């Protein structure tokens, strides 16, 4: 890991740290500095790298077409400036595909994401320490944040990338400690999606390690989980009751039906919003809302509570279907040529079933990174 750290640019590391750190204003994710990455690269190196895949070009053309024909909806001309801003943010994932993803820039991105995850996890641990003894339900209201969980999950894949390249015991111990802190950060999101993501990540690692005929990495995660179960029982009152009420109770059909039918519940609100989105897009299948947010048909500040429904609403059925196809192309490439990053990225898809991920600023940065790996055909670890 130290060897890789030496191949990092301090300037790019600092810039990508600023790009990937989540900032919010009135609950809105606003840090889209990554849009300016190509401009900075152009100023420094005097060129841009336009090596991009065919399917990426097709997806961009489709998005531009959707944006253009969406102006047929005259009701939204009053929101022209917001429409242009929303479209610019939506396609910000293009940014990292316009620069040359050389080794020092690749490492700078990876270490920046890891440091952001570490800082957010430590912040959560600190918040927990000063609110020590409060029950889990109250803590969720004070410090729970489902918006960071997928960033922690992705970081596990990045750590796996370094783990398989590390030979020294001291570095492996450091990576174990790093993962322990990330796991704490995930736990303290008090998000069901985060806990499902942990389960998905564990299953992936379980299957991967049996494939590799290696029990060491699997035993590491088992030991981390056992330690956390012990700590939870000692220091987080009523956590298991909280988890049962918020997650496991939904496996009971009676509780599930009652929760889904109640629009005041988390599950019922999601189902109501998703039905609203489907009904709206059914009436506007070719361009959806034309990249405008859900606020155009609901109250300001309401979100889709799902990455996939958000994409469906903004781009319509055709844009959504091609988005799924394009995701498949990107993840297929990651699976064959960037397996560790694939391990960290897969839980984001499950996370995105119930929360925005790539639509948030730090999620858009991760998506831009994954798309750039696909476009530049970057190959890291593949075993």
Protein backbone atom coordinates (compact mmCIF):
# COMPACT_ATOMS: atom_id res chain seq x y z
CA UNK A 1 0.00 0.00 0.00
CA UNK A 2 2.87 2.38 0.78
CA UNK A 3 4.33 1.55 -2.60
CA UNK A 4 1.07 2.65 -4.24
CA UNK A 5 0.91 5.75 -2.05
CA UNK A 6 4.28 6.88 -3.41
CA UNK A 7 2.74 6.80 -6.89
CA UNK A 8 0.17 9.42 -5.94
CA UNK A 9 0.05 13.09 -6.88
CA UNK A 10 -0.51 15.37 -3.89
CA UNK A 11 -2.28 17.92 -6.05
CA UNK A 12 -4.67 15.42 -7.63
CA UNK A 13 -5.21 13.65 -4.31
CA UNK A 14 -6.24 16.96 -2.70
CA UNK A 15 -8.48 17.87 -5.63
CA UNK A 16 -10.24 14.49 -5.72
CA UNK A 17 -10.68 14.56 -1.94
CA UNK A 18 -12.53 17.86 -2.34
CA UNK A 19 -14.53 16.43 -5.25
CA UNK A 20 -15.65 13.31 -3.40
CA UNK A 21 -16.40 14.78 0.03
CA UNK A 22 -20.19 15.14 0.50
CA UNK A 23 -21.40 18.68 1.19
CA UNK A 24 -25.05 19.54 1.79
CA UNK A 25 -26.99 22.79 1.71
CA UNK A 26 -30.54 22.59 3.07
CA UNK A 27 -30.35 18.84 2.70
CA UNK A 28 -29.29 19.01 -0.95
CA UNK A 29 -26.08 17.40 -2.21
CA UNK A 30 -24.17 20.28 -3.79
CA UNK A 31 -20.53 19.28 -4.24
CA UNK A 32 -20.12 18.79 -7.99
CA UNK A 33 -16.58 20.12 -8.25
CA UNK A 34 -15.71 17.13 -10.40
CA UNK A 35 -17.35 18.92 -13.33
CA UNK A 36 -14.25 21.13 -13.47
CA UNK A 37 -11.75 18.23 -13.51
CA UNK A 38 -11.37 18.19 -17.33
CA UNK A 39 -10.72 21.94 -17.34
CA UNK A 40 -7.99 21.62 -14.70
CA UNK A 41 -6.46 18.67 -16.56
CA UNK A 42 -6.50 20.70 -19.79
CA UNK A 43 -4.77 23.66 -18.12
CA UNK A 44 -2.04 21.44 -16.65
CA UNK A 45 -1.42 19.00 -19.49
CA UNK A 46 -2.70 20.99 -22.48
CA UNK A 47 -4.85 18.14 -23.84
CA UNK A 48 -7.91 16.02 -23.09
CA UNK A 49 -8.21 12.28 -23.60
CA UNK A 50 -11.25 11.47 -25.75
CA UNK A 51 -10.74 7.71 -25.71
CA UNK A 52 -14.28 6.58 -24.91
CA UNK A 53 -16.29 3.47 -25.69
CA UNK A 54 -18.98 3.17 -28.34
CA UNK A 55 -21.76 2.44 -25.85
CA UNK A 56 -20.73 5.49 -23.84
CA UNK A 57 -21.08 7.65 -26.95
CA UNK A 58 -24.49 6.14 -27.67
CA UNK A 59 -25.64 6.81 -24.10
CA UNK A 60 -24.49 10.43 -24.28
CA UNK A 61 -26.28 10.97 -27.60
CA UNK A 62 -29.44 9.45 -26.12
CA UNK A 63 -29.27 11.75 -23.08
CA UNK A 64 -28.80 14.78 -25.33
CA UNK A 65 -31.76 13.65 -27.43
CA UNK A 66 -33.93 13.22 -24.31
CA UNK A 67 -32.89 16.66 -23.10
CA UNK A 68 -33.77 18.21 -26.46
CA UNK A 69 -37.18 16.62 -26.99
CA UNK A 70 -38.15 17.30 -23.37
CA UNK A 71 -38.59 20.94 -24.37
CA UNK A 72 -41.79 19.82 -26.08
CA UNK A 73 -43.32 20.00 -22.61
CA UNK A 74 -44.16 23.70 -22.51
CA UNK A 75 -45.14 23.55 -18.82
CA UNK A 76 -41.47 23.30 -17.82
CA UNK A 77 -40.12 26.25 -19.81
CA UNK A 78 -40.43 28.33 -16.66
CA UNK A 79 -37.78 26.07 -15.11
CA UNK A 80 -35.29 26.46 -17.95
CA UNK A 81 -32.32 27.43 -15.77
CA UNK A 82 -32.96 24.59 -13.31
CA UNK A 83 -33.39 22.20 -16.23
CA UNK A 84 -29.99 23.14 -17.68
CA UNK A 85 -28.32 22.85 -14.25
CA UNK A 86 -29.98 19.48 -13.60
CA UNK A 87 -28.84 18.15 -16.97
CA UNK A 88 -25.28 19.40 -16.39
CA UNK A 89 -25.17 17.67 -13.01
CA UNK A 90 -26.70 14.51 -14.46
CA UNK A 91 -23.97 14.15 -17.09
CA UNK A 92 -21.16 15.10 -14.68
CA UNK A 93 -20.17 11.41 -14.76
CA UNK A 94 -18.49 12.24 -18.09
CA UNK A 95 -15.75 14.25 -16.32
CA UNK A 96 -13.19 11.57 -15.46
CA UNK A 97 -13.58 9.99 -18.91
CA UNK A 98 -12.09 13.13 -20.48
CA UNK A 99 -8.75 12.91 -18.69
CA UNK A 100 -5.90 10.45 -19.03
CA UNK A 101 -6.30 8.00 -16.15
CA UNK A 102 -2.59 7.41 -15.57
CA UNK A 103 -1.33 5.58 -12.52
CA UNK A 104 -0.80 8.60 -10.26
CA UNK A 105 -4.27 9.94 -11.03
CA UNK A 106 -5.86 6.52 -10.52
CA UNK A 107 -4.13 6.16 -7.13
CA UNK A 108 -5.06 9.72 -6.19
CA UNK A 109 -8.74 8.94 -6.78
CA UNK A 110 -8.59 5.72 -4.78
CA UNK A 111 -6.78 7.24 -1.80
CA UNK A 112 -9.06 10.29 -1.85
CA UNK A 113 -12.19 8.12 -1.61
CA UNK A 114 -10.62 6.06 1.16
CA UNK A 115 -9.70 9.16 3.17
CA UNK A 116 -13.20 10.62 2.77
CA UNK A 117 -14.70 7.33 3.99
CA UNK A 118 -12.28 7.18 6.90
CA UNK A 119 -12.98 10.76 7.98
CA UNK A 120 -16.76 10.25 7.81
CA UNK A 121 -16.51 7.02 9.79
CA UNK A 122 -14.37 8.65 12.48
CA UNK A 123 -16.85 11.54 12.61
CA UNK A 124 -19.68 9.03 13.22
CA UNK A 125 -17.69 7.26 15.93
CA UNK A 126 -17.03 10.61 17.62
CA UNK A 127 -20.72 11.56 17.45
CA UNK A 128 -21.59 8.21 18.99
CA UNK A 129 -19.06 8.70 21.78
CA UNK A 130 -20.52 12.05 22.85
CA UNK A 131 -24.06 10.61 22.74
CA UNK A 132 -23.06 7.41 24.49
CA UNK A 133 -25.87 5.47 26.18
CA UNK A 134 -28.70 6.77 24.00
CA UNK A 135 -30.89 4.10 22.44
CA UNK A 136 -30.53 3.25 18.75
CA UNK A 137 -33.83 4.79 17.60
CA UNK A 138 -32.89 8.18 19.09
CA UNK A 139 -29.35 7.97 17.71
CA UNK A 140 -30.71 7.42 14.20
CA UNK A 141 -32.45 10.77 14.40
CA UNK A 142 -29.36 12.48 15.81
CA UNK A 143 -26.63 11.11 13.57
CA UNK A 144 -27.91 8.44 11.20
CA UNK A 145 -27.10 9.13 7.55
CA UNK A 146 -27.98 6.63 4.85
CA UNK A 147 -26.34 8.94 2.30
CA UNK A 148 -22.81 7.86 3.27
CA UNK A 149 -23.34 4.12 3.59
CA UNK A 150 -22.67 3.23 -0.04
CA UNK A 151 -19.40 5.21 0.09
CA UNK A 152 -18.22 3.00 2.98
CA UNK A 153 -19.26 -0.13 1.09
CA UNK A 154 -17.35 0.94 -2.02
CA UNK A 155 -14.27 1.59 0.12
CA UNK A 156 -14.23 -2.07 1.18
CA UNK A 157 -13.60 -2.96 -2.45
CA UNK A 158 -10.77 -0.43 -2.67
CA UNK A 159 -9.21 -1.88 0.48
CA UNK A 160 -9.50 -5.33 -1.05
CA UNK A 161 -7.57 -3.96 -4.05
CA UNK A 162 -4.67 -3.04 -1.74
CA UNK A 163 -5.00 -6.17 0.39
CA UNK A 164 -4.28 -8.50 -2.51
CA UNK A 165 -1.22 -6.40 -3.41
CA UNK A 166 0.15 -6.24 0.16
CA UNK A 167 2.78 -8.60 1.50
CA UNK A 168 3.89 -6.99 4.78
CA UNK A 169 2.16 -7.84 8.05
CA UNK A 170 2.14 -4.23 9.25
CA UNK A 171 0.24 -3.04 6.18
CA UNK A 172 -2.27 -5.86 6.49
CA UNK A 173 -2.87 -4.99 10.15
CA UNK A 174 -3.43 -1.38 9.10
CA UNK A 175 -5.96 -2.50 6.47
CA UNK A 176 -7.74 -4.65 9.09
CA UNK A 177 -8.01 -1.60 11.36
CA UNK A 178 -9.22 0.51 8.45
CA UNK A 179 -11.98 -1.99 7.71
CA UNK A 180 -12.96 -2.12 11.36
CA UNK A 181 -13.44 1.68 11.36
CA UNK A 182 -15.43 1.52 8.10
CA UNK A 183 -17.64 -1.20 9.55
CA UNK A 184 -18.29 1.03 12.55
CA UNK A 185 -19.22 3.88 10.22
CA UNK A 186 -21.62 1.60 8.34
CA UNK A 187 -23.22 0.41 11.56
CA UNK A 188 -23.70 3.98 12.78
CA UNK A 189 -25.61 5.03 9.67
CA UNK A 190 -28.57 3.17 11.23
CA UNK A 191 -29.65 2.51 7.66
CA UNK A 192 -31.30 -0.74 6.64
CA UNK A 193 -29.83 -0.36 3.17
CA UNK A 194 -26.35 -0.19 4.73
CA UNK A 195 -26.97 -3.40 6.67
CA UNK A 196 -28.27 -5.13 3.55
CA UNK A 197 -25.17 -3.85 1.75
CA UNK A 198 -22.94 -5.39 4.44
CA UNK A 199 -24.74 -8.70 3.94
CA UNK A 200 -24.33 -8.50 0.14
CA UNK A 201 -20.64 -7.63 0.53
CA UNK A 202 -20.13 -10.56 2.89
CA UNK A 203 -21.83 -12.97 0.46
CA UNK A 204 -19.64 -11.72 -2.40
CA UNK A 205 -16.50 -12.17 -0.32
CA UNK A 206 -17.71 -15.56 0.85
CA UNK A 207 -18.16 -16.79 -2.71
CA UNK A 208 -14.94 -15.15 -3.85
CA UNK A 209 -12.82 -16.65 -1.11
CA UNK A 210 -14.19 -20.12 -1.64
CA UNK A 211 -13.33 -19.67 -5.31
CA UNK A 212 -9.82 -18.61 -4.30
CA UNK A 213 -9.58 -21.48 -1.80
CA UNK A 214 -8.46 -18.99 0.80
CA UNK A 215 -10.08 -18.71 4.24
CA UNK A 216 -7.97 -15.87 5.64
CA UNK A 217 -9.97 -12.97 4.23
CA UNK A 218 -13.24 -14.65 5.09
CA UNK A 219 -12.12 -15.28 8.66
CA UNK A 220 -11.22 -11.61 8.94
CA UNK A 221 -14.77 -10.53 8.18
CA UNK A 222 -16.23 -13.19 10.46
CA UNK A 223 -14.03 -11.96 13.28
CA UNK A 224 -14.99 -8.32 12.63
CA UNK A 225 -18.67 -9.22 12.70
CA UNK A 226 -18.31 -11.20 15.94
CA UNK A 227 -16.45 -8.31 17.58
CA UNK A 228 -19.15 -5.89 16.49
CA UNK A 229 -21.95 -8.12 17.72
CA UNK A 230 -20.27 -8.15 21.11
CA UNK A 231 -19.74 -4.37 21.14
CA UNK A 232 -23.29 -3.69 20.01
CA UNK A 233 -24.69 -5.80 22.81
CA UNK A 234 -22.59 -3.89 25.35
CA UNK A 235 -22.68 -0.28 24.18
CA UNK A 236 -25.79 0.26 22.04
CA UNK A 237 -28.96 -0.22 24.09
CA UNK A 238 -31.94 -1.80 22.33
CA UNK A 239 -30.10 -2.03 19.01
CA UNK A 240 -31.38 -5.53 18.29
CA UNK A 241 -34.92 -4.41 19.10
CA UNK A 242 -34.41 -1.41 16.79
CA UNK A 243 -33.16 -3.72 14.02
CA UNK A 244 -36.06 -6.09 14.54
CA UNK A 245 -38.61 -3.28 14.33
CA UNK A 246 -36.98 -1.58 11.34
CA UNK A 247 -35.88 -4.56 9.26
CA UNK A 248 -36.67 -8.09 10.36
CA UNK A 249 -40.32 -7.36 11.18
CA UNK A 250 -40.89 -6.66 7.48
CA UNK A 251 -40.38 -10.35 6.75
CA UNK A 252 -43.70 -10.93 8.52
CA UNK A 253 -46.40 -10.59 5.86
CA UNK A 254 -48.88 -8.87 8.19
CA UNK A 255 -46.33 -6.26 9.29
CA UNK A 256 -45.18 -5.76 5.72
CA UNK A 257 -48.69 -5.21 4.37
CA UNK A 258 -49.52 -2.77 7.15
CA UNK A 259 -46.28 -0.83 6.66
CA UNK A 260 -46.55 -0.62 2.87
CA UNK A 261 -50.17 0.58 3.00
CA UNK A 262 -49.34 3.35 5.49
CA UNK A 263 -48.02 6.41 3.63
CA UNK A 264 -46.68 7.81 6.90
CA UNK A 265 -44.28 4.88 7.24
CA UNK A 266 -40.91 4.74 5.49
CA UNK A 267 -42.00 1.82 3.34
CA UNK A 268 -45.44 3.23 2.56
CA UNK A 269 -44.00 6.62 1.58
CA UNK A 270 -41.60 4.92 -0.82
CA UNK A 271 -44.32 2.86 -2.45
CA UNK A 272 -46.49 5.96 -2.83
CA UNK A 273 -43.64 7.95 -4.41
CA UNK A 274 -42.67 5.08 -6.72
CA UNK A 275 -46.29 4.67 -7.90
CA UNK A 276 -46.42 8.42 -8.52
CA UNK A 277 -43.24 8.19 -10.62
CA UNK A 278 -44.51 5.24 -12.67
CA UNK A 279 -47.82 6.99 -13.34
CA UNK A 280 -46.04 10.18 -14.39
CA UNK A 281 -43.55 8.42 -16.68
CA UNK A 282 -46.37 6.37 -18.23
CA UNK A 283 -47.77 9.68 -19.45
CA UNK A 284 -44.32 10.90 -20.54
CA UNK A 285 -42.41 7.75 -21.56
CA UNK A 286 -39.95 9.30 -24.00
CA UNK A 287 -38.29 11.88 -21.76
CA UNK A 288 -39.82 11.63 -18.26
CA UNK A 289 -39.36 14.95 -16.50
CA UNK A 290 -36.51 15.95 -18.81
CA UNK A 291 -33.92 15.73 -15.99
CA UNK A 292 -35.92 17.85 -13.54
CA UNK A 293 -36.27 16.56 -9.99
CA UNK A 294 -39.31 15.10 -8.29
CA UNK A 295 -40.14 18.55 -6.93
CA UNK A 296 -41.93 19.37 -10.21
CA UNK A 297 -44.86 17.11 -9.22
CA UNK A 298 -44.48 16.97 -5.43
CA UNK A 299 -43.22 19.23 -2.65
CA UNK A 300 -39.76 20.78 -2.76
CA UNK A 301 -37.21 18.53 -1.08
CA UNK A 302 -39.00 15.24 -1.81
CA UNK A 303 -36.74 12.66 -3.45
CA UNK A 304 -37.33 9.34 -5.17
CA UNK A 305 -35.84 7.21 -2.35
CA UNK A 306 -34.31 5.02 -5.05
CA UNK A 307 -31.52 5.59 -7.53
CA UNK A 308 -33.35 3.58 -10.17
CA UNK A 309 -36.68 5.34 -9.78
CA UNK A 310 -34.86 8.67 -9.85
CA UNK A 311 -33.28 7.77 -13.21
CA UNK A 312 -36.63 6.53 -14.49
CA UNK A 313 -38.34 9.79 -13.53
CA UNK A 314 -35.68 12.04 -15.05
CA UNK A 315 -35.16 10.22 -18.37
CA UNK A 316 -38.32 8.20 -19.06
CA UNK A 317 -38.60 4.52 -19.94
CA UNK A 318 -36.19 4.50 -22.86
CA UNK A 319 -33.49 6.45 -21.05
CA UNK A 320 -33.89 4.20 -18.02
CA UNK A 321 -33.64 0.97 -20.03
CA UNK A 322 -30.48 2.13 -21.75
CA UNK A 323 -29.07 3.22 -18.38
CA UNK A 324 -29.55 -0.35 -17.12
CA UNK A 325 -27.88 -1.68 -20.27
CA UNK A 326 -24.97 0.73 -19.89
CA UNK A 327 -24.58 -0.22 -16.21
CA UNK A 328 -24.38 -3.85 -17.29
CA UNK A 329 -21.57 -3.03 -19.73
CA UNK A 330 -19.60 -1.13 -17.07
CA UNK A 331 -20.02 -3.79 -14.38
CA UNK A 332 -19.23 -6.61 -16.80
CA UNK A 333 -15.93 -4.91 -17.58
CA UNK A 334 -15.21 -4.38 -13.87
CA UNK A 335 -15.93 -8.03 -13.15
CA UNK A 336 -13.38 -9.27 -15.64
CA UNK A 337 -10.65 -6.65 -15.25
CA UNK A 338 -11.14 -4.79 -11.95
CA UNK A 339 -12.49 -7.46 -9.65
CA UNK A 340 -11.75 -5.72 -6.35
CA UNK A 341 -13.48 -2.54 -7.48
CA UNK A 342 -16.36 -4.68 -8.72
CA UNK A 343 -16.68 -6.15 -5.21
CA UNK A 344 -17.10 -2.66 -3.77
CA UNK A 345 -19.42 -1.44 -6.53
CA UNK A 346 -21.98 -4.26 -6.50
CA UNK A 347 -23.39 -3.38 -3.03
CA UNK A 348 -24.03 0.15 -4.34
CA UNK A 349 -26.57 -1.30 -6.78
CA UNK A 350 -28.46 -2.99 -3.94
CA UNK A 351 -28.17 0.17 -1.88
CA UNK A 352 -29.61 2.13 -4.78
CA UNK A 353 -32.84 0.14 -4.70
CA UNK A 354 -33.94 2.17 -1.66
CA UNK A 355 -31.78 5.31 -1.71
CA UNK A 356 -30.15 7.69 -4.16
CA UNK A 357 -26.51 6.80 -4.81
CA UNK A 358 -25.05 7.96 -8.13
CA UNK A 359 -27.46 10.92 -8.09
CA UNK A 360 -25.73 12.36 -5.02
CA UNK A 361 -22.54 14.35 -5.56
CA UNK A 362 -20.15 11.81 -3.99
CA UNK A 363 -22.03 9.00 -5.73
CA UNK A 364 -21.72 10.84 -9.05
CA UNK A 365 -17.96 10.98 -8.47
CA UNK A 366 -17.82 7.22 -7.87
CA UNK A 367 -19.93 6.58 -10.98
CA UNK A 368 -17.65 8.86 -12.99
CA UNK A 369 -14.68 6.81 -11.77
CA UNK A 370 -16.30 3.48 -12.71
CA UNK A 371 -17.28 4.78 -16.15
CA UNK A 372 -13.75 6.11 -16.72
CA UNK A 373 -12.28 2.68 -15.91
CA UNK A 374 -14.63 1.20 -18.50
CA UNK A 375 -13.89 3.86 -21.13
CA UNK A 376 -10.11 3.79 -20.69
CA UNK A 377 -10.04 -0.01 -20.36
CA UNK A 378 -8.00 0.27 -17.15
CA UNK A 379 -6.99 -3.14 -15.82
CA UNK A 380 -6.00 -3.53 -12.18
CA UNK A 381 -6.21 -6.82 -10.29
CA UNK A 382 -7.83 -9.84 -11.92
CA UNK A 383 -7.52 -13.13 -10.08
